[in-house]
Amino acid sequence: MKRAMRPEDASNAPPLLAVDERVLGPEHPETVAVRHNLAAFTGQAGDAAAARDQHAALLPIYERMLGPEHPNALGSRHNLAGWTGKAGDPDAARDQCAELLADYVRVLGPEHPSTLNTRRSLGDWTGEAGDPAAASRLFAEVLPVYEAVLGAQHQHTQAARQSLARWTGQAGHPAKAPRPEPRRVVGSAECGCS
């Protein structure tokens, strides 16, 4: 559904969006894809509030087009939560992630990567909202699931481990913070490449 665009295409998104809205209509899948990309580029360029607002405008469109439990609609909610937090409201981001998590678990299951990433976001926004002890507990619960599902070396597992260390330390228990797993580098000797 998403038209492939790269960050370097960001300047082309507004004129492309105007054409798509005029020719295809505001809720055509390609138009929605351009709006999604524009929202992401807006946030990446440093305007978190505008990205939040753009994602908030997209969410009802995704829900109308696909249904509220479609993975793209759930992903849109995750994006909205993230930009809400980055725009300065970590409490709302935490609450949005908590609500979203229940839906992800019901729709995709407790071990789906999108569910795990929402658990990770919930942990981070809980910490950012001022409760590092609760964030540490959330990461202590999700890290073993990441390890079992994705493996200890996966980048999302590594990020969860780093967040556990961060929030455990900020909760006043730096000695209990996990040490990072050494990253295994796949090199020529391992893969038989020269």
N, C-alpha and C. Protein backbone atom coordinates (compact mmCIF):
# COMPACT_ATOMS: atom_id res chain seq x y z
N MET A 1 0.81 -1.19 0.00
CA MET A 1 0.00 0.00 0.00
C MET A 1 0.86 1.25 0.00
N LYS A 2 2.06 1.18 0.58
CA LYS A 2 2.88 2.37 0.66
C LYS A 2 3.73 2.53 -0.59
N ARG A 3 3.63 3.68 -1.22
CA ARG A 3 4.49 3.99 -2.35
C ARG A 3 5.89 4.19 -1.80
N ALA A 4 6.86 3.52 -2.39
CA ALA A 4 8.24 3.60 -1.90
C ALA A 4 8.81 5.00 -2.14
N MET A 5 9.22 5.61 -1.05
CA MET A 5 9.87 6.92 -1.12
C MET A 5 11.05 6.89 -0.17
N ARG A 6 12.09 7.57 -0.54
CA ARG A 6 13.28 7.67 0.30
C ARG A 6 13.31 9.06 0.92
N PRO A 7 14.04 9.23 2.04
CA PRO A 7 14.11 10.56 2.66
C PRO A 7 14.57 11.65 1.69
N GLU A 8 15.43 11.29 0.75
CA GLU A 8 15.88 12.30 -0.21
C GLU A 8 14.76 12.73 -1.16
N ASP A 9 13.65 11.99 -1.16
CA ASP A 9 12.49 12.35 -1.97
C ASP A 9 11.54 13.28 -1.22
N ALA A 10 11.89 13.68 -0.02
CA ALA A 10 10.97 14.46 0.83
C ALA A 10 10.47 15.72 0.15
N SER A 11 11.32 16.40 -0.59
CA SER A 11 10.89 17.65 -1.23
C SER A 11 9.85 17.40 -2.32
N ASN A 12 9.81 16.17 -2.85
CA ASN A 12 8.84 15.84 -3.89
C ASN A 12 7.48 15.45 -3.31
N ALA A 13 7.43 15.15 -2.01
CA ALA A 13 6.19 14.64 -1.43
C ALA A 13 5.04 15.64 -1.48
N PRO A 14 5.22 16.92 -1.09
CA PRO A 14 4.06 17.83 -1.14
C PRO A 14 3.46 18.01 -2.54
N PRO A 15 4.29 18.24 -3.58
CA PRO A 15 3.65 18.35 -4.90
C PRO A 15 3.02 17.04 -5.37
N LEU A 16 3.65 15.91 -5.04
CA LEU A 16 3.09 14.61 -5.41
C LEU A 16 1.76 14.40 -4.69
N LEU A 17 1.71 14.79 -3.42
CA LEU A 17 0.47 14.66 -2.66
C LEU A 17 -0.64 15.49 -3.29
N ALA A 18 -0.35 16.71 -3.69
CA ALA A 18 -1.37 17.57 -4.32
C ALA A 18 -1.91 16.92 -5.60
N VAL A 19 -1.02 16.35 -6.40
CA VAL A 19 -1.46 15.70 -7.64
C VAL A 19 -2.29 14.46 -7.31
N ASP A 20 -1.80 13.64 -6.40
CA ASP A 20 -2.54 12.42 -6.05
C ASP A 20 -3.92 12.74 -5.49
N GLU A 21 -4.01 13.76 -4.63
CA GLU A 21 -5.31 14.12 -4.06
C GLU A 21 -6.28 14.58 -5.16
N ARG A 22 -5.76 15.33 -6.11
CA ARG A 22 -6.61 15.85 -7.19
C ARG A 22 -7.00 14.73 -8.17
N VAL A 23 -6.05 13.90 -8.54
CA VAL A 23 -6.30 12.90 -9.58
C VAL A 23 -6.90 11.62 -9.01
N LEU A 24 -6.37 11.14 -7.91
CA LEU A 24 -6.79 9.85 -7.36
C LEU A 24 -7.83 9.97 -6.25
N GLY A 25 -7.80 11.11 -5.57
CA GLY A 25 -8.70 11.30 -4.43
C GLY A 25 -7.94 11.21 -3.12
N PRO A 26 -8.47 11.84 -2.07
CA PRO A 26 -7.74 11.92 -0.81
C PRO A 26 -7.57 10.60 -0.07
N GLU A 27 -8.40 9.60 -0.38
CA GLU A 27 -8.29 8.34 0.34
C GLU A 27 -7.85 7.18 -0.55
N HIS A 28 -7.35 7.50 -1.72
CA HIS A 28 -6.80 6.45 -2.58
C HIS A 28 -5.54 5.89 -1.89
N PRO A 29 -5.30 4.60 -1.98
CA PRO A 29 -4.13 4.02 -1.30
C PRO A 29 -2.81 4.71 -1.64
N GLU A 30 -2.60 5.12 -2.88
CA GLU A 30 -1.34 5.80 -3.21
C GLU A 30 -1.27 7.18 -2.57
N THR A 31 -2.40 7.87 -2.49
CA THR A 31 -2.42 9.18 -1.83
C THR A 31 -2.12 9.02 -0.35
N VAL A 32 -2.73 8.03 0.26
CA VAL A 32 -2.50 7.77 1.68
C VAL A 32 -1.03 7.41 1.92
N ALA A 33 -0.45 6.64 1.00
CA ALA A 33 0.97 6.28 1.14
C ALA A 33 1.85 7.52 1.09
N VAL A 34 1.55 8.45 0.20
CA VAL A 34 2.35 9.67 0.13
C VAL A 34 2.17 10.48 1.40
N ARG A 35 0.94 10.55 1.92
CA ARG A 35 0.71 11.28 3.17
C ARG A 35 1.49 10.63 4.33
N HIS A 36 1.52 9.31 4.34
CA HIS A 36 2.28 8.60 5.37
C HIS A 36 3.77 8.96 5.28
N ASN A 37 4.30 8.90 4.07
CA ASN A 37 5.72 9.24 3.87
C ASN A 37 6.00 10.68 4.24
N LEU A 38 5.11 11.59 3.87
CA LEU A 38 5.29 13.00 4.20
C LEU A 38 5.31 13.20 5.72
N ALA A 39 4.43 12.51 6.42
CA ALA A 39 4.42 12.62 7.89
C ALA A 39 5.74 12.12 8.47
N ALA A 40 6.23 11.00 7.96
CA ALA A 40 7.50 10.47 8.45
C ALA A 40 8.64 11.43 8.15
N PHE A 41 8.69 11.96 6.93
CA PHE A 41 9.75 12.90 6.57
C PHE A 41 9.68 14.16 7.42
N THR A 42 8.47 14.61 7.71
CA THR A 42 8.29 15.81 8.53
C THR A 42 8.89 15.59 9.91
N GLY A 43 8.61 14.45 10.50
CA GLY A 43 9.19 14.14 11.81
C GLY A 43 10.69 13.98 11.75
N GLN A 44 11.18 13.30 10.73
CA GLN A 44 12.63 13.12 10.59
C GLN A 44 13.35 14.44 10.39
N ALA A 45 12.66 15.42 9.83
CA ALA A 45 13.25 16.74 9.61
C ALA A 45 13.21 17.58 10.88
N GLY A 46 12.61 17.07 11.96
CA GLY A 46 12.65 17.76 13.24
C GLY A 46 11.35 18.39 13.69
N ASP A 47 10.28 18.25 12.96
CA ASP A 47 9.01 18.84 13.37
C ASP A 47 8.08 17.74 13.89
N ALA A 48 8.33 17.35 15.14
CA ALA A 48 7.57 16.24 15.73
C ALA A 48 6.09 16.58 15.87
N ALA A 49 5.77 17.81 16.22
CA ALA A 49 4.36 18.19 16.39
C ALA A 49 3.60 18.08 15.07
N ALA A 50 4.20 18.54 13.99
CA ALA A 50 3.54 18.44 12.69
C ALA A 50 3.41 16.98 12.27
N ALA A 51 4.44 16.17 12.53
CA ALA A 51 4.36 14.75 12.21
C ALA A 51 3.23 14.09 13.01
N ARG A 52 3.14 14.44 14.28
CA ARG A 52 2.05 13.91 15.12
C ARG A 52 0.69 14.27 14.51
N ASP A 53 0.53 15.54 14.15
CA ASP A 53 -0.74 16.00 13.59
C ASP A 53 -1.06 15.31 12.27
N GLN A 54 -0.04 15.10 11.45
CA GLN A 54 -0.25 14.42 10.16
C GLN A 54 -0.65 12.96 10.39
N HIS A 55 0.00 12.30 11.34
CA HIS A 55 -0.37 10.92 11.65
C HIS A 55 -1.76 10.85 12.27
N ALA A 56 -2.11 11.84 13.08
CA ALA A 56 -3.46 11.87 13.67
C ALA A 56 -4.52 12.00 12.58
N ALA A 57 -4.22 12.75 11.53
CA ALA A 57 -5.16 12.90 10.42
C ALA A 57 -5.23 11.62 9.58
N LEU A 58 -4.14 10.87 9.51
CA LEU A 58 -4.12 9.64 8.73
C LEU A 58 -4.85 8.49 9.39
N LEU A 59 -4.81 8.44 10.71
CA LEU A 59 -5.36 7.29 11.43
C LEU A 59 -6.82 7.00 11.06
N PRO A 60 -7.72 7.98 11.09
CA PRO A 60 -9.11 7.62 10.73
C PRO A 60 -9.26 7.16 9.28
N ILE A 61 -8.37 7.61 8.42
CA ILE A 61 -8.42 7.15 7.03
C ILE A 61 -8.04 5.67 6.96
N TYR A 62 -6.94 5.31 7.63
CA TYR A 62 -6.55 3.89 7.67
C TYR A 62 -7.67 3.04 8.25
N GLU A 63 -8.27 3.52 9.34
CA GLU A 63 -9.32 2.74 9.99
C GLU A 63 -10.55 2.59 9.09
N ARG A 64 -10.90 3.64 8.36
CA ARG A 64 -12.03 3.56 7.43
C ARG A 64 -11.72 2.62 6.27
N MET A 65 -10.53 2.76 5.71
CA MET A 65 -10.16 1.98 4.52
C MET A 65 -9.93 0.50 4.84
N LEU A 66 -9.27 0.23 5.96
CA LEU A 66 -8.79 -1.12 6.24
C LEU A 66 -9.44 -1.78 7.45
N GLY A 67 -10.05 -0.99 8.29
CA GLY A 67 -10.59 -1.49 9.55
C GLY A 67 -9.63 -1.19 10.68
N PRO A 68 -10.14 -0.98 11.89
CA PRO A 68 -9.30 -0.56 13.01
C PRO A 68 -8.28 -1.60 13.46
N GLU A 69 -8.46 -2.86 13.09
CA GLU A 69 -7.53 -3.89 13.54
C GLU A 69 -6.57 -4.35 12.45
N HIS A 70 -6.61 -3.71 11.29
CA HIS A 70 -5.66 -4.05 10.23
C HIS A 70 -4.26 -3.66 10.69
N PRO A 71 -3.24 -4.46 10.37
CA PRO A 71 -1.88 -4.13 10.79
C PRO A 71 -1.42 -2.72 10.40
N ASN A 72 -1.83 -2.22 9.23
CA ASN A 72 -1.44 -0.86 8.85
C ASN A 72 -2.11 0.19 9.74
N ALA A 73 -3.36 -0.06 10.14
CA ALA A 73 -4.04 0.87 11.05
C ALA A 73 -3.37 0.83 12.42
N LEU A 74 -3.01 -0.37 12.88
CA LEU A 74 -2.30 -0.48 14.16
C LEU A 74 -0.94 0.20 14.07
N GLY A 75 -0.25 0.02 12.94
CA GLY A 75 1.04 0.69 12.74
C GLY A 75 0.90 2.20 12.74
N SER A 76 -0.20 2.69 12.19
CA SER A 76 -0.45 4.13 12.19
C SER A 76 -0.63 4.63 13.62
N ARG A 77 -1.30 3.84 14.45
CA ARG A 77 -1.45 4.22 15.86
C ARG A 77 -0.09 4.24 16.56
N HIS A 78 0.77 3.29 16.22
CA HIS A 78 2.10 3.25 16.82
C HIS A 78 2.90 4.49 16.42
N ASN A 79 2.81 4.86 15.15
CA ASN A 79 3.50 6.07 14.69
C ASN A 79 2.96 7.30 15.41
N LEU A 80 1.65 7.38 15.56
CA LEU A 80 1.04 8.50 16.25
C LEU A 80 1.54 8.58 17.69
N ALA A 81 1.60 7.46 18.37
CA ALA A 81 2.10 7.46 19.75
C ALA A 81 3.54 7.95 19.81
N GLY A 82 4.36 7.46 18.90
CA GLY A 82 5.77 7.87 18.90
C GLY A 82 5.94 9.36 18.68
N TRP A 83 5.25 9.91 17.70
CA TRP A 83 5.39 11.34 17.43
C TRP A 83 4.71 12.18 18.50
N THR A 84 3.71 11.63 19.17
CA THR A 84 3.10 12.33 20.31
C THR A 84 4.14 12.49 21.42
N GLY A 85 4.85 11.42 21.70
CA GLY A 85 5.90 11.50 22.72
C GLY A 85 7.02 12.43 22.32
N LYS A 86 7.47 12.32 21.08
CA LYS A 86 8.56 13.17 20.61
C LYS A 86 8.16 14.63 20.54
N ALA A 87 6.85 14.89 20.44
CA ALA A 87 6.36 16.27 20.43
C ALA A 87 6.21 16.82 21.84
N GLY A 88 6.58 16.04 22.84
CA GLY A 88 6.60 16.56 24.21
C GLY A 88 5.54 16.04 25.15
N ASP A 89 4.80 15.00 24.77
CA ASP A 89 3.77 14.47 25.66
C ASP A 89 4.00 12.99 25.90
N PRO A 90 5.03 12.65 26.72
CA PRO A 90 5.32 11.24 26.96
C PRO A 90 4.20 10.51 27.70
N ASP A 91 3.42 11.22 28.52
CA ASP A 91 2.31 10.57 29.22
C ASP A 91 1.27 10.06 28.22
N ALA A 92 0.91 10.90 27.25
CA ALA A 92 -0.06 10.49 26.23
C ALA A 92 0.52 9.36 25.38
N ALA A 93 1.81 9.45 25.03
CA ALA A 93 2.44 8.39 24.23
C ALA A 93 2.40 7.07 24.98
N ARG A 94 2.70 7.11 26.27
CA ARG A 94 2.64 5.90 27.11
C ARG A 94 1.23 5.31 27.10
N ASP A 95 0.23 6.17 27.31
CA ASP A 95 -1.15 5.70 27.36
C ASP A 95 -1.60 5.14 26.01
N GLN A 96 -1.19 5.79 24.92
CA GLN A 96 -1.54 5.29 23.58
C GLN A 96 -0.89 3.93 23.33
N CYS A 97 0.35 3.78 23.76
CA CYS A 97 1.04 2.49 23.57
C CYS A 97 0.38 1.39 24.41
N ALA A 98 -0.05 1.72 25.62
CA ALA A 98 -0.69 0.72 26.47
C ALA A 98 -1.99 0.23 25.83
N GLU A 99 -2.77 1.14 25.30
CA GLU A 99 -4.01 0.77 24.64
C GLU A 99 -3.73 -0.04 23.36
N LEU A 100 -2.74 0.42 22.60
CA LEU A 100 -2.38 -0.25 21.36
C LEU A 100 -1.86 -1.66 21.62
N LEU A 101 -1.10 -1.83 22.68
CA LEU A 101 -0.52 -3.14 22.99
C LEU A 101 -1.60 -4.20 23.15
N ALA A 102 -2.67 -3.86 23.84
CA ALA A 102 -3.76 -4.83 24.01
C ALA A 102 -4.32 -5.25 22.65
N ASP A 103 -4.44 -4.31 21.73
CA ASP A 103 -4.96 -4.64 20.40
C ASP A 103 -3.97 -5.48 19.61
N TYR A 104 -2.68 -5.15 19.68
CA TYR A 104 -1.67 -5.96 18.98
C TYR A 104 -1.66 -7.39 19.50
N VAL A 105 -1.72 -7.55 20.82
CA VAL A 105 -1.71 -8.90 21.39
C VAL A 105 -2.91 -9.69 20.88
N ARG A 106 -4.08 -9.06 20.87
CA ARG A 106 -5.29 -9.73 20.42
C ARG A 106 -5.25 -10.06 18.93
N VAL A 107 -4.74 -9.13 18.11
CA VAL A 107 -4.79 -9.30 16.65
C VAL A 107 -3.61 -10.12 16.12
N LEU A 108 -2.40 -9.83 16.57
CA LEU A 108 -1.21 -10.47 16.01
C LEU A 108 -0.54 -11.48 16.94
N GLY A 109 -0.91 -11.45 18.21
CA GLY A 109 -0.32 -12.37 19.17
C GLY A 109 0.78 -11.71 19.99
N PRO A 110 1.10 -12.31 21.14
CA PRO A 110 2.05 -11.68 22.07
C PRO A 110 3.51 -11.69 21.61
N GLU A 111 3.85 -12.53 20.63
CA GLU A 111 5.25 -12.62 20.22
C GLU A 111 5.51 -12.05 18.83
N HIS A 112 4.51 -11.45 18.22
CA HIS A 112 4.71 -10.84 16.90
C HIS A 112 5.69 -9.67 17.05
N PRO A 113 6.59 -9.48 16.09
CA PRO A 113 7.55 -8.36 16.20
C PRO A 113 6.89 -7.00 16.42
N SER A 114 5.75 -6.74 15.80
CA SER A 114 5.08 -5.45 16.01
C SER A 114 4.57 -5.33 17.45
N THR A 115 4.12 -6.43 18.02
CA THR A 115 3.69 -6.43 19.42
C THR A 115 4.89 -6.16 20.32
N LEU A 116 6.01 -6.83 20.03
CA LEU A 116 7.21 -6.63 20.84
C LEU A 116 7.70 -5.18 20.74
N ASN A 117 7.66 -4.61 19.54
CA ASN A 117 8.11 -3.22 19.38
C ASN A 117 7.19 -2.25 20.12
N THR A 118 5.92 -2.57 20.19
CA THR A 118 5.00 -1.73 20.96
C THR A 118 5.29 -1.86 22.45
N ARG A 119 5.63 -3.06 22.90
CA ARG A 119 6.02 -3.23 24.30
C ARG A 119 7.28 -2.42 24.60
N ARG A 120 8.21 -2.41 23.64
CA ARG A 120 9.43 -1.62 23.83
C ARG A 120 9.10 -0.13 23.89
N SER A 121 8.22 0.33 23.01
CA SER A 121 7.81 1.74 23.04
C SER A 121 7.10 2.07 24.34
N LEU A 122 6.25 1.17 24.80
CA LEU A 122 5.56 1.39 26.08
C LEU A 122 6.57 1.55 27.21
N GLY A 123 7.59 0.71 27.21
CA GLY A 123 8.62 0.82 28.24
C GLY A 123 9.35 2.15 28.18
N ASP A 124 9.75 2.55 26.98
CA ASP A 124 10.48 3.81 26.85
C ASP A 124 9.62 5.01 27.23
N TRP A 125 8.35 5.03 26.76
CA TRP A 125 7.50 6.19 27.10
C TRP A 125 7.12 6.18 28.57
N THR A 126 7.06 5.00 29.19
CA THR A 126 6.82 4.95 30.64
C THR A 126 7.98 5.60 31.37
N GLY A 127 9.19 5.29 30.95
CA GLY A 127 10.36 5.92 31.55
C GLY A 127 10.41 7.41 31.29
N GLU A 128 10.14 7.80 30.05
CA GLU A 128 10.16 9.23 29.69
C GLU A 128 9.08 10.00 30.45
N ALA A 129 7.99 9.30 30.81
CA ALA A 129 6.91 9.95 31.55
C ALA A 129 7.24 10.05 33.05
N GLY A 130 8.40 9.57 33.44
CA GLY A 130 8.85 9.79 34.81
C GLY A 130 8.83 8.58 35.72
N ASP A 131 8.65 7.39 35.17
CA ASP A 131 8.62 6.20 36.02
C ASP A 131 9.67 5.19 35.54
N PRO A 132 10.96 5.47 35.83
CA PRO A 132 12.00 4.57 35.35
C PRO A 132 11.92 3.17 35.96
N ALA A 133 11.41 3.05 37.19
CA ALA A 133 11.30 1.71 37.80
C ALA A 133 10.30 0.86 37.03
N ALA A 134 9.16 1.43 36.67
CA ALA A 134 8.17 0.68 35.88
C ALA A 134 8.73 0.37 34.50
N ALA A 135 9.45 1.30 33.91
CA ALA A 135 10.06 1.05 32.60
C ALA A 135 11.05 -0.11 32.70
N SER A 136 11.84 -0.13 33.74
CA SER A 136 12.79 -1.22 33.94
C SER A 136 12.07 -2.56 34.05
N ARG A 137 10.97 -2.59 34.79
CA ARG A 137 10.19 -3.83 34.92
C ARG A 137 9.64 -4.27 33.56
N LEU A 138 9.12 -3.32 32.79
CA LEU A 138 8.58 -3.66 31.47
C LEU A 138 9.66 -4.26 30.58
N PHE A 139 10.85 -3.68 30.61
CA PHE A 139 11.93 -4.22 29.77
C PHE A 139 12.44 -5.55 30.29
N ALA A 140 12.45 -5.73 31.61
CA ALA A 140 12.85 -7.03 32.17
C ALA A 140 11.90 -8.13 31.72
N GLU A 141 10.62 -7.77 31.50
CA GLU A 141 9.63 -8.75 31.03
C GLU A 141 9.77 -9.02 29.54
N VAL A 142 10.05 -7.99 28.74
CA VAL A 142 10.03 -8.18 27.29
C VAL A 142 11.37 -8.69 26.74
N LEU A 143 12.47 -8.41 27.40
CA LEU A 143 13.77 -8.83 26.86
C LEU A 143 13.85 -10.34 26.62
N PRO A 144 13.44 -11.19 27.57
CA PRO A 144 13.53 -12.64 27.29
C PRO A 144 12.66 -13.06 26.10
N VAL A 145 11.55 -12.36 25.86
CA VAL A 145 10.70 -12.69 24.71
C VAL A 145 11.42 -12.31 23.42
N TYR A 146 12.03 -11.12 23.41
CA TYR A 146 12.83 -10.72 22.24
C TYR A 146 13.91 -11.76 21.96
N GLU A 147 14.62 -12.17 23.01
CA GLU A 147 15.71 -13.14 22.82
C GLU A 147 15.18 -14.46 22.26
N ALA A 148 14.03 -14.90 22.77
CA ALA A 148 13.46 -16.18 22.30
C ALA A 148 12.94 -16.08 20.87
N VAL A 149 12.35 -14.94 20.52
CA VAL A 149 11.72 -14.81 19.21
C VAL A 149 12.71 -14.37 18.14
N LEU A 150 13.52 -13.37 18.44
CA LEU A 150 14.41 -12.79 17.43
C LEU A 150 15.87 -13.16 17.61
N GLY A 151 16.24 -13.65 18.78
CA GLY A 151 17.63 -13.98 19.05
C GLY A 151 18.34 -12.84 19.75
N ALA A 152 19.39 -13.19 20.48
CA ALA A 152 20.11 -12.21 21.29
C ALA A 152 20.82 -11.15 20.46
N GLN A 153 21.17 -11.46 19.22
CA GLN A 153 21.95 -10.52 18.41
C GLN A 153 21.09 -9.60 17.54
N HIS A 154 19.79 -9.83 17.50
CA HIS A 154 18.94 -8.99 16.66
C HIS A 154 18.97 -7.55 17.17
N GLN A 155 18.91 -6.60 16.24
CA GLN A 155 19.01 -5.19 16.63
C GLN A 155 17.89 -4.76 17.58
N HIS A 156 16.69 -5.31 17.45
CA HIS A 156 15.61 -4.94 18.36
C HIS A 156 15.84 -5.52 19.75
N THR A 157 16.41 -6.73 19.80
CA THR A 157 16.77 -7.32 21.10
C THR A 157 17.85 -6.48 21.76
N GLN A 158 18.84 -6.09 20.97
CA GLN A 158 19.91 -5.24 21.51
C GLN A 158 19.36 -3.91 22.03
N ALA A 159 18.42 -3.32 21.29
CA ALA A 159 17.82 -2.06 21.72
C ALA A 159 17.04 -2.25 23.02
N ALA A 160 16.33 -3.36 23.14
CA ALA A 160 15.59 -3.63 24.38
C ALA A 160 16.56 -3.82 25.55
N ARG A 161 17.67 -4.49 25.31
CA ARG A 161 18.67 -4.68 26.36
C ARG A 161 19.26 -3.34 26.79
N GLN A 162 19.55 -2.47 25.82
CA GLN A 162 20.07 -1.14 26.16
C GLN A 162 19.06 -0.32 26.95
N SER A 163 17.79 -0.42 26.57
CA SER A 163 16.76 0.31 27.30
C SER A 163 16.61 -0.24 28.71
N LEU A 164 16.69 -1.57 28.86
CA LEU A 164 16.63 -2.15 30.20
C LEU A 164 17.77 -1.60 31.06
N ALA A 165 18.97 -1.55 30.50
CA ALA A 165 20.11 -1.01 31.24
C ALA A 165 19.88 0.47 31.59
N ARG A 166 19.39 1.23 30.64
CA ARG A 166 19.15 2.66 30.86
C ARG A 166 18.16 2.89 31.99
N TRP A 167 16.99 2.23 31.90
CA TRP A 167 15.94 2.49 32.88
C TRP A 167 16.26 1.86 34.24
N THR A 168 16.99 0.74 34.25
CA THR A 168 17.41 0.15 35.51
C THR A 168 18.37 1.11 36.22
N GLY A 169 19.31 1.67 35.45
CA GLY A 169 20.24 2.64 36.03
C GLY A 169 19.52 3.89 36.52
N GLN A 170 18.58 4.40 35.72
CA GLN A 170 17.86 5.61 36.12
C GLN A 170 16.92 5.36 37.29
N ALA A 171 16.54 4.10 37.50
CA ALA A 171 15.71 3.76 38.65
C ALA A 171 16.54 3.63 39.92
N GLY A 172 17.85 3.84 39.80
CA GLY A 172 18.72 3.82 40.97
C GLY A 172 19.41 2.50 41.22
N HIS A 173 19.43 1.62 40.21
CA HIS A 173 20.05 0.30 40.38
C HIS A 173 21.06 0.02 39.27
N PRO A 174 22.06 0.89 39.10
CA PRO A 174 22.99 0.68 37.98
C PRO A 174 23.74 -0.65 38.05
N ALA A 175 23.97 -1.18 39.24
CA ALA A 175 24.69 -2.45 39.35
C ALA A 175 23.86 -3.60 38.80
N LYS A 176 22.53 -3.46 38.77
CA LYS A 176 21.66 -4.51 38.26
C LYS A 176 21.43 -4.39 36.75
N ALA A 177 21.92 -3.33 36.15
CA ALA A 177 21.70 -3.12 34.71
C ALA A 177 22.46 -4.18 33.92
N PRO A 178 21.81 -4.77 32.92
CA PRO A 178 22.50 -5.81 32.13
C PRO A 178 23.62 -5.22 31.30
N ARG A 179 24.63 -6.01 31.12
CA ARG A 179 25.73 -5.62 30.25
C ARG A 179 25.32 -5.92 28.81
N PRO A 180 25.75 -5.08 27.87
CA PRO A 180 25.42 -5.35 26.47
C PRO A 180 26.05 -6.66 26.01
N GLU A 181 25.33 -7.39 25.18
CA GLU A 181 25.86 -8.59 24.56
C GLU A 181 26.88 -8.15 23.52
N PRO A 182 28.02 -8.81 23.46
CA PRO A 182 28.96 -8.45 22.38
C PRO A 182 28.32 -8.77 21.04
N ARG A 183 28.45 -7.84 20.12
CA ARG A 183 27.88 -8.06 18.78
C ARG A 183 28.80 -8.96 18.00
N ARG A 184 28.22 -9.92 17.36
CA ARG A 184 28.99 -10.81 16.51
C ARG A 184 29.03 -10.20 15.12
N VAL A 185 30.21 -10.01 14.63
CA VAL A 185 30.38 -9.43 13.30
C VAL A 185 30.57 -10.55 12.31
N VAL A 186 29.70 -10.57 11.32
CA VAL A 186 29.82 -11.58 10.28
C VAL A 186 30.85 -11.05 9.28
N GLY A 187 31.94 -11.78 9.19
CA GLY A 187 33.02 -11.34 8.31
C GLY A 187 33.36 -12.38 7.27
N SER A 188 34.42 -12.11 6.53
CA SER A 188 34.77 -12.97 5.42
C SER A 188 35.14 -14.37 5.87
N ALA A 189 35.79 -14.53 7.03
CA ALA A 189 36.19 -15.85 7.47
C ALA A 189 34.97 -16.69 7.81
N GLU A 190 33.92 -16.05 8.32
CA GLU A 190 32.74 -16.77 8.74
C GLU A 190 31.87 -17.19 7.56
N CYS A 191 31.78 -16.33 6.55
CA CYS A 191 30.86 -16.63 5.46
C CYS A 191 31.56 -17.25 4.26
N GLY A 192 32.87 -17.37 4.31
CA GLY A 192 33.60 -17.95 3.20
C GLY A 192 33.85 -16.96 2.07
N CYS A 193 33.59 -15.70 2.34
CA CYS A 193 33.84 -14.66 1.33
C CYS A 193 35.31 -14.29 1.37
N SER A 194 35.82 -13.83 0.26
CA SER A 194 37.22 -13.40 0.27
C SER A 194 37.33 -11.90 0.27
